[in-house]
Structures are given as C-alpha cells and as structure tokens.
Amino acid sequence: MLPKPEVLRLDIVSHKSFPKDKLFRLVKVDDVYVLDEGQNMKRRGLYVLKDEETLNKLSTKKIMSRYRLNEDVIKRMKECLGKK
C-alpha cells in the first residue's frame, strides 16, 4: 500500500507551500475572514504560516486590505502562536 501524500497549502504572505499543520486557516464568513482553529469549517480558506515574522508581515502589508482582514484576527493568531 502506498503512503498517504502530504497535504500542502499555499501561504498568502510568502507564496510558498507548507504542510497544513504548520499553517493557520482563515475562513470567510459574512465578508470577513475569521480564524478556523479546528480547520474543519466547510468553506474555502486562506492559509498563513504559524510564524511570528510572517504575522508581522501580514499586519504591515497590503494583504490586510486585499483580504479584508482586521487586527482582531491577527491578534488571535498571535495568541494561538503564544500558547504552543
């Protein structure tokens, strides 16, 4: 039996592919993206690398306005990053 292939997703900040377990997932709900902590909501998602440097780039770039992200989402991701 063949091993299961690793699932890769594209990070919206660096535009590189990473395994799903190394990424945060954001899901669009009512024209606003929210953090999907369990990665199980039945909607399309965006992925951001679980890294302090990446989160800082996310908050300073035009990415926030492009995807209509707000500071609350980024703050929540930083809190989740600090828990580990």
PDB file of N, CA and C in Angstrom:
ATOM      1  N   MET A   1       0.827  -1.173   0.000  1.00  0.00           N
ATOM      2  CA  MET A   1       0.000   0.000   0.000  1.00  0.00           C
ATOM      3  C   MET A   1       0.884   1.255   0.000  1.00  0.00           C
ATOM      4  N   LEU A   2       0.515   2.223  -0.794  1.00  0.00           N
ATOM      5  CA  LEU A   2       1.296   3.450  -0.896  1.00  0.00           C
ATOM      6  C   LEU A   2       1.029   4.359   0.295  1.00  0.00           C
ATOM      7  N   PRO A   3       2.056   5.079   0.752  1.00  0.00           N
ATOM      8  CA  PRO A   3       1.832   6.032   1.850  1.00  0.00           C
ATOM      9  C   PRO A   3       0.975   7.202   1.377  1.00  0.00           C
ATOM     10  N   LYS A   4       0.250   7.777   2.317  1.00  0.00           N
ATOM     11  CA  LYS A   4      -0.610   8.911   2.005  1.00  0.00           C
ATOM     12  C   LYS A   4       0.251  10.139   1.694  1.00  0.00           C
ATOM     13  N   PRO A   5      -0.019  10.845   0.597  1.00  0.00           N
ATOM     14  CA  PRO A   5       0.794  12.028   0.278  1.00  0.00           C
ATOM     15  C   PRO A   5       0.542  13.161   1.273  1.00  0.00           C
ATOM     16  N   GLU A   6       1.566  13.957   1.503  1.00  0.00           N
ATOM     17  CA  GLU A   6       1.458  15.081   2.428  1.00  0.00           C
ATOM     18  C   GLU A   6       0.625  16.195   1.784  1.00  0.00           C
ATOM     19  N   VAL A   7      -0.304  16.755   2.558  1.00  0.00           N
ATOM     20  CA  VAL A   7      -1.180  17.810   2.057  1.00  0.00           C
ATOM     21  C   VAL A   7      -0.476  19.156   2.234  1.00  0.00           C
ATOM     22  N   LEU A   8      -0.277  19.872   1.133  1.00  0.00           N
ATOM     23  CA  LEU A   8       0.384  21.172   1.164  1.00  0.00           C
ATOM     24  C   LEU A   8      -0.616  22.266   0.812  1.00  0.00           C
ATOM     25  N   ARG A   9      -0.448  23.421   1.441  1.00  0.00           N
ATOM     26  CA  ARG A   9      -1.282  24.592   1.163  1.00  0.00           C
ATOM     27  C   ARG A   9      -0.371  25.795   0.973  1.00  0.00           C
ATOM     28  N   LEU A  10      -0.868  26.805   0.247  1.00  0.00           N
ATOM     29  CA  LEU A  10      -0.088  27.987  -0.094  1.00  0.00           C
ATOM     30  C   LEU A  10      -0.277  29.090   0.942  1.00  0.00           C
ATOM     31  N   ASP A  11       0.819  29.596   1.466  1.00  0.00           N
ATOM     32  CA  ASP A  11       0.809  30.713   2.411  1.00  0.00           C
ATOM     33  C   ASP A  11       0.581  32.002   1.629  1.00  0.00           C
ATOM     34  N   ILE A  12      -0.382  32.850   2.075  1.00  0.00           N
ATOM     35  CA  ILE A  12      -0.714  34.074   1.331  1.00  0.00           C
ATOM     36  C   ILE A  12       0.332  35.171   1.485  1.00  0.00           C
ATOM     37  N   VAL A  13       1.230  35.050   2.456  1.00  0.00           N
ATOM     38  CA  VAL A  13       2.254  36.074   2.665  1.00  0.00           C
ATOM     39  C   VAL A  13       3.503  35.762   1.839  1.00  0.00           C
ATOM     40  N   SER A  14       4.039  34.560   1.975  1.00  0.00           N
ATOM     41  CA  SER A  14       5.287  34.208   1.288  1.00  0.00           C
ATOM     42  C   SER A  14       5.067  33.546  -0.069  1.00  0.00           C
ATOM     43  N   HIS A  15       3.841  33.100  -0.350  1.00  0.00           N
ATOM     44  CA  HIS A  15       3.503  32.393  -1.590  1.00  0.00           C
ATOM     45  C   HIS A  15       4.330  31.118  -1.756  1.00  0.00           C
ATOM     46  N   LYS A  16       4.559  30.418  -0.635  1.00  0.00           N
ATOM     47  CA  LYS A  16       5.241  29.127  -0.636  1.00  0.00           C
ATOM     48  C   LYS A  16       4.305  28.088  -0.049  1.00  0.00           C
ATOM     49  N   SER A  17       4.510  26.831  -0.415  1.00  0.00           N
ATOM     50  CA  SER A  17       3.671  25.747   0.071  1.00  0.00           C
ATOM     51  C   SER A  17       4.246  25.140   1.345  1.00  0.00           C
ATOM     52  N   PHE A  18       3.353  24.844   2.292  1.00  0.00           N
ATOM     53  CA  PHE A  18       3.719  24.254   3.568  1.00  0.00           C
ATOM     54  C   PHE A  18       2.696  23.190   3.932  1.00  0.00           C
ATOM     55  N   PRO A  19       3.052  22.247   4.825  1.00  0.00           N
ATOM     56  CA  PRO A  19       2.063  21.285   5.321  1.00  0.00           C
ATOM     57  C   PRO A  19       0.963  21.997   6.101  1.00  0.00           C
ATOM     58  N   LYS A  20      -0.254  21.450   6.055  1.00  0.00           N
ATOM     59  CA  LYS A  20      -1.410  22.086   6.688  1.00  0.00           C
ATOM     60  C   LYS A  20      -1.221  22.303   8.185  1.00  0.00           C
ATOM     61  N   ASP A  21      -0.505  21.410   8.862  1.00  0.00           N
ATOM     62  CA  ASP A  21      -0.360  21.540  10.313  1.00  0.00           C
ATOM     63  C   ASP A  21       0.554  22.690  10.721  1.00  0.00           C
ATOM     64  N   LYS A  22       1.270  23.283   9.790  1.00  0.00           N
ATOM     65  CA  LYS A  22       2.145  24.420  10.077  1.00  0.00           C
ATOM     66  C   LYS A  22       1.508  25.756   9.712  1.00  0.00           C
ATOM     67  N   LEU A  23       0.211  25.741   9.381  1.00  0.00           N
ATOM     68  CA  LEU A  23      -0.468  26.938   8.907  1.00  0.00           C
ATOM     69  C   LEU A  23      -1.728  27.232   9.718  1.00  0.00           C
ATOM     70  N   PHE A  24      -2.041  28.532   9.827  1.00  0.00           N
ATOM     71  CA  PHE A  24      -3.346  28.964  10.329  1.00  0.00           C
ATOM     72  C   PHE A  24      -4.294  28.965   9.139  1.00  0.00           C
ATOM     73  N   ARG A  25      -5.571  28.694   9.410  1.00  0.00           N
ATOM     74  CA  ARG A  25      -6.577  28.731   8.345  1.00  0.00           C
ATOM     75  C   ARG A  25      -7.574  29.836   8.636  1.00  0.00           C
ATOM     76  N   LEU A  26      -7.810  30.687   7.654  1.00  0.00           N
ATOM     77  CA  LEU A  26      -8.790  31.766   7.747  1.00  0.00           C
ATOM     78  C   LEU A  26      -9.944  31.453   6.798  1.00  0.00           C
ATOM     79  N   VAL A  27     -11.182  31.649   7.281  1.00  0.00           N
ATOM     80  CA  VAL A  27     -12.373  31.334   6.501  1.00  0.00           C
ATOM     81  C   VAL A  27     -13.243  32.576   6.409  1.00  0.00           C
ATOM     82  N   LYS A  28     -13.811  32.819   5.233  1.00  0.00           N
ATOM     83  CA  LYS A  28     -14.651  33.995   5.008  1.00  0.00           C
ATOM     84  C   LYS A  28     -16.070  33.726   5.496  1.00  0.00           C
ATOM     85  N   VAL A  29     -16.524  34.545   6.448  1.00  0.00           N
ATOM     86  CA  VAL A  29     -17.877  34.464   6.988  1.00  0.00           C
ATOM     87  C   VAL A  29     -18.449  35.878   6.969  1.00  0.00           C
ATOM     88  N   ASP A  30     -19.514  36.089   6.214  1.00  0.00           N
ATOM     89  CA  ASP A  30     -20.159  37.405   6.110  1.00  0.00           C
ATOM     90  C   ASP A  30     -19.176  38.505   5.700  1.00  0.00           C
ATOM     91  N   ASP A  31     -18.413  38.266   4.647  1.00  0.00           N
ATOM     92  CA  ASP A  31     -17.446  39.224   4.081  1.00  0.00           C
ATOM     93  C   ASP A  31     -16.289  39.571   5.015  1.00  0.00           C
ATOM     94  N   VAL A  32     -16.068  38.777   6.053  1.00  0.00           N
ATOM     95  CA  VAL A  32     -14.945  38.989   6.964  1.00  0.00           C
ATOM     96  C   VAL A  32     -14.277  37.639   7.203  1.00  0.00           C
ATOM     97  N   TYR A  33     -12.950  37.622   7.207  1.00  0.00           N
ATOM     98  CA  TYR A  33     -12.229  36.377   7.464  1.00  0.00           C
ATOM     99  C   TYR A  33     -12.068  36.172   8.964  1.00  0.00           C
ATOM    100  N   VAL A  34     -12.354  34.948   9.410  1.00  0.00           N
ATOM    101  CA  VAL A  34     -12.204  34.577  10.821  1.00  0.00           C
ATOM    102  C   VAL A  34     -11.251  33.388  10.902  1.00  0.00           C
ATOM    103  N   LEU A  35     -10.663  33.206  12.075  1.00  0.00           N
ATOM    104  CA  LEU A  35      -9.722  32.122  12.303  1.00  0.00           C
ATOM    105  C   LEU A  35     -10.478  30.812  12.494  1.00  0.00           C
ATOM    106  N   ASP A  36     -10.113  29.803  11.738  1.00  0.00           N
ATOM    107  CA  ASP A  36     -10.692  28.467  11.859  1.00  0.00           C
ATOM    108  C   ASP A  36      -9.678  27.598  12.603  1.00  0.00           C
ATOM    109  N   GLU A  37      -9.788  27.576  13.919  1.00  0.00           N
ATOM    110  CA  GLU A  37      -8.795  26.884  14.739  1.00  0.00           C
ATOM    111  C   GLU A  37      -8.786  25.376  14.521  1.00  0.00           C
ATOM    112  N   GLY A  38      -9.957  24.783  14.336  1.00  0.00           N
ATOM    113  CA  GLY A  38     -10.031  23.345  14.125  1.00  0.00           C
ATOM    114  C   GLY A  38      -9.797  22.919  12.685  1.00  0.00           C
ATOM    115  N   GLN A  39      -9.702  23.871  11.781  1.00  0.00           N
ATOM    116  CA  GLN A  39      -9.546  23.651  10.348  1.00  0.00           C
ATOM    117  C   GLN A  39     -10.591  22.675   9.819  1.00  0.00           C
ATOM    118  N   ASN A  40     -11.854  22.897  10.220  1.00  0.00           N
ATOM    119  CA  ASN A  40     -12.898  21.979   9.791  1.00  0.00           C
ATOM    120  C   ASN A  40     -14.166  22.681   9.304  1.00  0.00           C
ATOM    121  N   MET A  41     -14.141  24.007   9.140  1.00  0.00           N
ATOM    122  CA  MET A  41     -15.307  24.713   8.612  1.00  0.00           C
ATOM    123  C   MET A  41     -15.456  24.386   7.130  1.00  0.00           C
ATOM    124  N   LYS A  42     -16.682  24.263   6.670  1.00  0.00           N
ATOM    125  CA  LYS A  42     -16.966  23.849   5.297  1.00  0.00           C
ATOM    126  C   LYS A  42     -17.016  25.047   4.350  1.00  0.00           C
ATOM    127  N   ARG A  43     -15.921  25.752   4.229  1.00  0.00           N
ATOM    128  CA  ARG A  43     -15.817  26.903   3.331  1.00  0.00           C
ATOM    129  C   ARG A  43     -14.392  26.965   2.793  1.00  0.00           C
ATOM    130  N   ARG A  44     -14.217  27.785   1.778  1.00  0.00           N
ATOM    131  CA  ARG A  44     -12.859  27.995   1.260  1.00  0.00           C
ATOM    132  C   ARG A  44     -12.047  28.773   2.268  1.00  0.00           C
ATOM    133  N   GLY A  45     -10.767  28.500   2.295  1.00  0.00           N
ATOM    134  CA  GLY A  45      -9.936  29.150   3.282  1.00  0.00           C
ATOM    135  C   GLY A  45      -8.664  29.740   2.716  1.00  0.00           C
ATOM    136  N   LEU A  46      -8.074  30.606   3.504  1.00  0.00           N
ATOM    137  CA  LEU A  46      -6.750  31.165   3.237  1.00  0.00           C
ATOM    138  C   LEU A  46      -5.816  30.611   4.303  1.00  0.00           C
ATOM    139  N   TYR A  47      -4.545  30.508   3.977  1.00  0.00           N
ATOM    140  CA  TYR A  47      -3.595  29.933   4.918  1.00  0.00           C
ATOM    141  C   TYR A  47      -2.449  30.897   5.176  1.00  0.00           C
ATOM    142  N   VAL A  48      -2.034  30.959   6.454  1.00  0.00           N
ATOM    143  CA  VAL A  48      -0.932  31.820   6.886  1.00  0.00           C
ATOM    144  C   VAL A  48       0.004  30.978   7.739  1.00  0.00           C
ATOM    145  N   LEU A  49       1.289  31.076   7.489  1.00  0.00           N
ATOM    146  CA  LEU A  49       2.286  30.308   8.227  1.00  0.00           C
ATOM    147  C   LEU A  49       2.277  30.675   9.703  1.00  0.00           C
ATOM    148  N   LYS A  50       2.389  29.678  10.578  1.00  0.00           N
ATOM    149  CA  LYS A  50       2.426  29.892  12.033  1.00  0.00           C
ATOM    150  C   LYS A  50       3.837  30.326  12.422  1.00  0.00           C
ATOM    151  N   ASP A  51       4.106  31.618  12.214  1.00  0.00           N
ATOM    152  CA  ASP A  51       5.424  32.175  12.474  1.00  0.00           C
ATOM    153  C   ASP A  51       5.259  33.639  12.851  1.00  0.00           C
ATOM    154  N   GLU A  52       5.992  34.081  13.855  1.00  0.00           N
ATOM    155  CA  GLU A  52       5.889  35.466  14.332  1.00  0.00           C
ATOM    156  C   GLU A  52       6.253  36.459  13.232  1.00  0.00           C
ATOM    157  N   GLU A  53       7.298  36.174  12.489  1.00  0.00           N
ATOM    158  CA  GLU A  53       7.738  37.075  11.415  1.00  0.00           C
ATOM    159  C   GLU A  53       6.675  37.192  10.318  1.00  0.00           C
ATOM    160  N   THR A  54       6.066  36.086   9.969  1.00  0.00           N
ATOM    161  CA  THR A  54       5.019  36.096   8.943  1.00  0.00           C
ATOM    162  C   THR A  54       3.813  36.894   9.400  1.00  0.00           C
ATOM    163  N   LEU A  55       3.426  36.746  10.661  1.00  0.00           N
ATOM    164  CA  LEU A  55       2.288  37.504  11.184  1.00  0.00           C
ATOM    165  C   LEU A  55       2.581  38.999  11.211  1.00  0.00           C
ATOM    166  N   ASN A  56       3.822  39.381  11.493  1.00  0.00           N
ATOM    167  CA  ASN A  56       4.193  40.796  11.450  1.00  0.00           C
ATOM    168  C   ASN A  56       4.128  41.337  10.022  1.00  0.00           C
ATOM    169  N   LYS A  57       4.579  40.543   9.043  1.00  0.00           N
ATOM    170  CA  LYS A  57       4.491  40.965   7.644  1.00  0.00           C
ATOM    171  C   LYS A  57       3.036  41.083   7.210  1.00  0.00           C
ATOM    172  N   LEU A  58       2.212  40.186   7.707  1.00  0.00           N
ATOM    173  CA  LEU A  58       0.792  40.203   7.353  1.00  0.00           C
ATOM    174  C   LEU A  58       0.130  41.490   7.815  1.00  0.00           C
ATOM    175  N   SER A  59       0.499  41.978   8.976  1.00  0.00           N
ATOM    176  CA  SER A  59      -0.142  43.177   9.508  1.00  0.00           C
ATOM    177  C   SER A  59       0.402  44.459   8.875  1.00  0.00           C
ATOM    178  N   THR A  60       1.574  44.426   8.249  1.00  0.00           N
ATOM    179  CA  THR A  60       2.138  45.637   7.664  1.00  0.00           C
ATOM    180  C   THR A  60       1.923  45.731   6.156  1.00  0.00           C
ATOM    181  N   LYS A  61       1.645  44.638   5.501  1.00  0.00           N
ATOM    182  CA  LYS A  61       1.498  44.654   4.045  1.00  0.00           C
ATOM    183  C   LYS A  61       0.088  45.034   3.629  1.00  0.00           C
ATOM    184  N   LYS A  62      -0.093  45.153   2.347  1.00  0.00           N
ATOM    185  CA  LYS A  62      -1.407  45.446   1.778  1.00  0.00           C
ATOM    186  C   LYS A  62      -2.314  44.214   1.813  1.00  0.00           C
ATOM    187  N   ILE A  63      -1.804  43.121   2.314  1.00  0.00           N
ATOM    188  CA  ILE A  63      -2.581  41.881   2.366  1.00  0.00           C
ATOM    189  C   ILE A  63      -3.820  42.055   3.224  1.00  0.00           C
ATOM    190  N   MET A  64      -3.710  42.815   4.302  1.00  0.00           N
ATOM    191  CA  MET A  64      -4.862  43.021   5.186  1.00  0.00           C
ATOM    192  C   MET A  64      -6.022  43.651   4.430  1.00  0.00           C
ATOM    193  N   SER A  65      -5.735  44.648   3.624  1.00  0.00           N
ATOM    194  CA  SER A  65      -6.817  45.300   2.889  1.00  0.00           C
ATOM    195  C   SER A  65      -7.306  44.439   1.725  1.00  0.00           C
ATOM    196  N   ARG A  66      -6.422  43.682   1.115  1.00  0.00           N
ATOM    197  CA  ARG A  66      -6.808  42.833  -0.006  1.00  0.00           C
ATOM    198  C   ARG A  66      -7.805  41.767   0.431  1.00  0.00           C
ATOM    199  N   TYR A  67      -7.567  41.156   1.586  1.00  0.00           N
ATOM    200  CA  TYR A  67      -8.440  40.089   2.070  1.00  0.00           C
ATOM    201  C   TYR A  67      -9.418  40.558   3.147  1.00  0.00           C
ATOM    202  N   ARG A  68      -9.462  41.846   3.395  1.00  0.00           N
ATOM    203  CA  ARG A  68     -10.356  42.430   4.407  1.00  0.00           C
ATOM    204  C   ARG A  68     -10.142  41.814   5.781  1.00  0.00           C
ATOM    205  N   LEU A  69      -8.877  41.707   6.161  1.00  0.00           N
ATOM    206  CA  LEU A  69      -8.538  41.207   7.493  1.00  0.00           C
ATOM    207  C   LEU A  69      -8.534  42.371   8.463  1.00  0.00           C
ATOM    208  N   ASN A  70      -8.840  42.097   9.713  1.00  0.00           N
ATOM    209  CA  ASN A  70      -8.763  43.144  10.719  1.00  0.00           C
ATOM    210  C   ASN A  70      -7.739  42.750  11.789  1.00  0.00           C
ATOM    211  N   GLU A  71      -7.408  43.684  12.631  1.00  0.00           N
ATOM    212  CA  GLU A  71      -6.395  43.459  13.660  1.00  0.00           C
ATOM    213  C   GLU A  71      -6.799  42.373  14.652  1.00  0.00           C
ATOM    214  N   ASP A  72      -8.100  42.171  14.865  1.00  0.00           N
ATOM    215  CA  ASP A  72      -8.558  41.155  15.814  1.00  0.00           C
ATOM    216  C   ASP A  72      -8.136  39.755  15.374  1.00  0.00           C
ATOM    217  N   VAL A  73      -8.212  39.482  14.086  1.00  0.00           N
ATOM    218  CA  VAL A  73      -7.830  38.168  13.568  1.00  0.00           C
ATOM    219  C   VAL A  73      -6.338  37.937  13.760  1.00  0.00           C
ATOM    220  N   ILE A  74      -5.540  38.941  13.461  1.00  0.00           N
ATOM    221  CA  ILE A  74      -4.090  38.815  13.611  1.00  0.00           C
ATOM    222  C   ILE A  74      -3.723  38.676  15.085  1.00  0.00           C
ATOM    223  N   LYS A  75      -4.402  39.420  15.949  1.00  0.00           N
ATOM    224  CA  LYS A  75      -4.151  39.321  17.386  1.00  0.00           C
ATOM    225  C   LYS A  75      -4.495  37.919  17.903  1.00  0.00           C
ATOM    226  N   ARG A  76      -5.583  37.348  17.404  1.00  0.00           N
ATOM    227  CA  ARG A  76      -5.995  35.999  17.804  1.00  0.00           C
ATOM    228  C   ARG A  76      -4.971  34.962  17.346  1.00  0.00           C
ATOM    229  N   MET A  77      -4.428  35.132  16.127  1.00  0.00           N
ATOM    230  CA  MET A  77      -3.396  34.208  15.634  1.00  0.00           C
ATOM    231  C   MET A  77      -2.138  34.302  16.489  1.00  0.00           C
ATOM    232  N   LYS A  78      -1.764  35.512  16.898  1.00  0.00           N
ATOM    233  CA  LYS A  78      -0.579  35.672  17.761  1.00  0.00           C
ATOM    234  C   LYS A  78      -0.816  35.029  19.120  1.00  0.00           C
ATOM    235  N   GLU A  79      -2.032  35.105  19.648  1.00  0.00           N
ATOM    236  CA  GLU A  79      -2.352  34.449  20.911  1.00  0.00           C
ATOM    237  C   GLU A  79      -2.229  32.932  20.776  1.00  0.00           C
ATOM    238  N   CYS A  80      -2.732  32.385  19.692  1.00  0.00           N
ATOM    239  CA  CYS A  80      -2.632  30.942  19.447  1.00  0.00           C
ATOM    240  C   CYS A  80      -1.179  30.513  19.282  1.00  0.00           C
ATOM    241  N   LEU A  81      -0.384  31.365  18.662  1.00  0.00           N
ATOM    242  CA  LEU A  81       1.033  31.068  18.475  1.00  0.00           C
ATOM    243  C   LEU A  81       1.759  31.041  19.813  1.00  0.00           C
ATOM    244  N   GLY A  82       1.365  31.934  20.723  1.00  0.00           N
ATOM    245  CA  GLY A  82       1.993  32.005  22.043  1.00  0.00           C
ATOM    246  C   GLY A  82       1.647  30.842  22.947  1.00  0.00           C
ATOM    247  N   LYS A  83       0.529  30.168  22.698  1.00  0.00           N
ATOM    248  CA  LYS A  83       0.106  29.029  23.529  1.00  0.00           C
ATOM    249  C   LYS A  83       1.014  27.831  23.383  1.00  0.00           C
ATOM    250  N   LYS A  84       1.670  27.693  22.229  1.00  0.00           N
ATOM    251  CA  LYS A  84       2.474  26.496  21.969  1.00  0.00           C
ATOM    252  C   LYS A  84       3.810  26.543  22.590  1.00  0.00           C
TER     253      LYS A  84
END
